[in-house]
Amino acid sequence: MSNQSQELVLIPGNEKESEKDFLDYVRGSFHPNLVVVLKTEKNASLPLVQSRNAKEGLATAYLCEQQSCRSPITALADLEEALDG
């Protein structure tokens, strides 16, 4: 876990279940320096989310730190590793 502030941008996919899994994991774990943003129609023009899209129709997470984002994450195990690794 990083001591730096991090942003997690969640992009909904075609299946709500994987999006729910991502949200359930983040809500159930302790990451005090993590800001979570779920992309919606209302906030889609914000700089942090505007260029981020779901990959292959899957719920996709982008973990960002110091204005740089890692590669898109589409599997819950990969998100867990990125946050807790």
Protein backbone atom coordinates (compact mmCIF):
# COMPACT_ATOMS: atom_id res chain seq x y z
CA MET A 1 0.00 0.00 0.00
CA SER A 2 1.30 3.42 -0.89
CA ASN A 3 1.56 6.31 1.56
CA GLN A 4 0.77 8.69 -1.29
CA SER A 5 -2.76 9.75 -2.12
CA GLN A 6 -4.22 7.53 -4.85
CA GLU A 7 -7.28 7.78 -7.07
CA LEU A 8 -9.22 4.75 -8.22
CA VAL A 9 -11.40 5.43 -11.24
CA LEU A 10 -14.06 2.77 -11.79
CA ILE A 11 -15.64 2.53 -15.21
CA PRO A 12 -18.85 0.48 -15.39
CA GLY A 13 -18.94 -2.38 -17.86
CA ASN A 14 -21.77 -4.30 -19.46
CA GLU A 15 -22.10 -6.58 -16.42
CA LYS A 16 -23.05 -4.84 -13.19
CA GLU A 17 -21.81 -7.81 -11.14
CA SER A 18 -18.11 -7.15 -11.79
CA GLU A 19 -18.59 -3.45 -11.02
CA LYS A 20 -20.29 -4.45 -7.75
CA ASP A 21 -17.40 -6.81 -6.94
CA PHE A 22 -14.89 -3.96 -7.36
CA LEU A 23 -16.96 -1.62 -5.19
CA ASP A 24 -17.58 -4.27 -2.52
CA TYR A 25 -13.86 -4.98 -2.28
CA VAL A 26 -12.90 -1.31 -1.97
CA ARG A 27 -15.63 -0.63 0.58
CA GLY A 28 -14.61 -3.65 2.64
CA SER A 29 -10.89 -2.91 2.77
CA PHE A 30 -8.82 -0.24 4.50
CA HIS A 31 -7.19 2.25 2.14
CA PRO A 32 -7.18 5.62 3.92
CA ASN A 33 -5.34 7.43 1.13
CA LEU A 34 -7.62 6.19 -1.65
CA VAL A 35 -10.20 8.36 -3.39
CA VAL A 36 -12.72 6.35 -5.43
CA VAL A 37 -14.54 7.85 -8.41
CA LEU A 38 -17.24 5.92 -10.25
CA LYS A 39 -17.68 7.25 -13.79
CA THR A 40 -21.26 8.27 -14.54
CA GLU A 41 -22.97 10.30 -17.24
CA LYS A 42 -22.96 13.29 -14.89
CA ASN A 43 -19.21 13.29 -14.20
CA ALA A 44 -17.94 11.91 -17.54
CA SER A 45 -16.45 15.27 -18.52
CA LEU A 46 -14.20 15.54 -15.45
CA PRO A 47 -10.51 15.38 -16.40
CA LEU A 48 -9.84 12.36 -14.18
CA VAL A 49 -12.49 10.22 -15.91
CA GLN A 50 -13.07 11.67 -19.37
CA SER A 51 -10.42 9.66 -21.23
CA ARG A 52 -10.99 6.42 -19.33
CA ASN A 53 -13.20 3.71 -20.81
CA ALA A 54 -14.26 0.15 -20.05
CA LYS A 55 -12.04 -2.42 -21.73
CA GLU A 56 -13.82 -5.10 -23.77
CA GLY A 57 -17.12 -4.27 -22.06
CA LEU A 58 -15.76 -5.21 -18.63
CA ALA A 59 -15.85 -3.08 -15.52
CA THR A 60 -12.44 -1.45 -15.52
CA ALA A 61 -10.41 0.16 -12.75
CA TYR A 62 -7.66 2.72 -13.21
CA LEU A 63 -5.36 3.22 -10.23
CA CYS A 64 -3.70 6.62 -10.39
CA GLU A 65 -1.03 8.31 -8.30
CA GLN A 66 0.73 11.63 -8.83
CA GLN A 67 -1.16 12.28 -12.09
CA SER A 68 -0.13 8.95 -13.61
CA CYS A 69 -2.37 5.90 -14.01
CA ARG A 70 -1.41 2.24 -14.19
CA SER A 71 -2.66 -0.03 -16.94
CA PRO A 72 -6.40 -0.74 -16.84
CA ILE A 73 -7.51 -3.47 -14.42
CA THR A 74 -10.44 -5.74 -15.30
CA ALA A 75 -10.02 -8.60 -12.79
CA LEU A 76 -10.77 -8.34 -9.08
CA ALA A 77 -7.63 -10.31 -8.15
CA ASP A 78 -5.52 -7.79 -10.08
CA LEU A 79 -7.19 -4.89 -8.28
CA GLU A 80 -6.53 -6.53 -4.92
CA GLU A 81 -2.87 -7.02 -5.87
CA ALA A 82 -2.52 -3.42 -7.06
CA LEU A 83 -3.97 -2.01 -3.84
CA ASP A 84 -2.54 -4.45 -1.32
CA GLY A 85 0.51 -5.81 -3.13
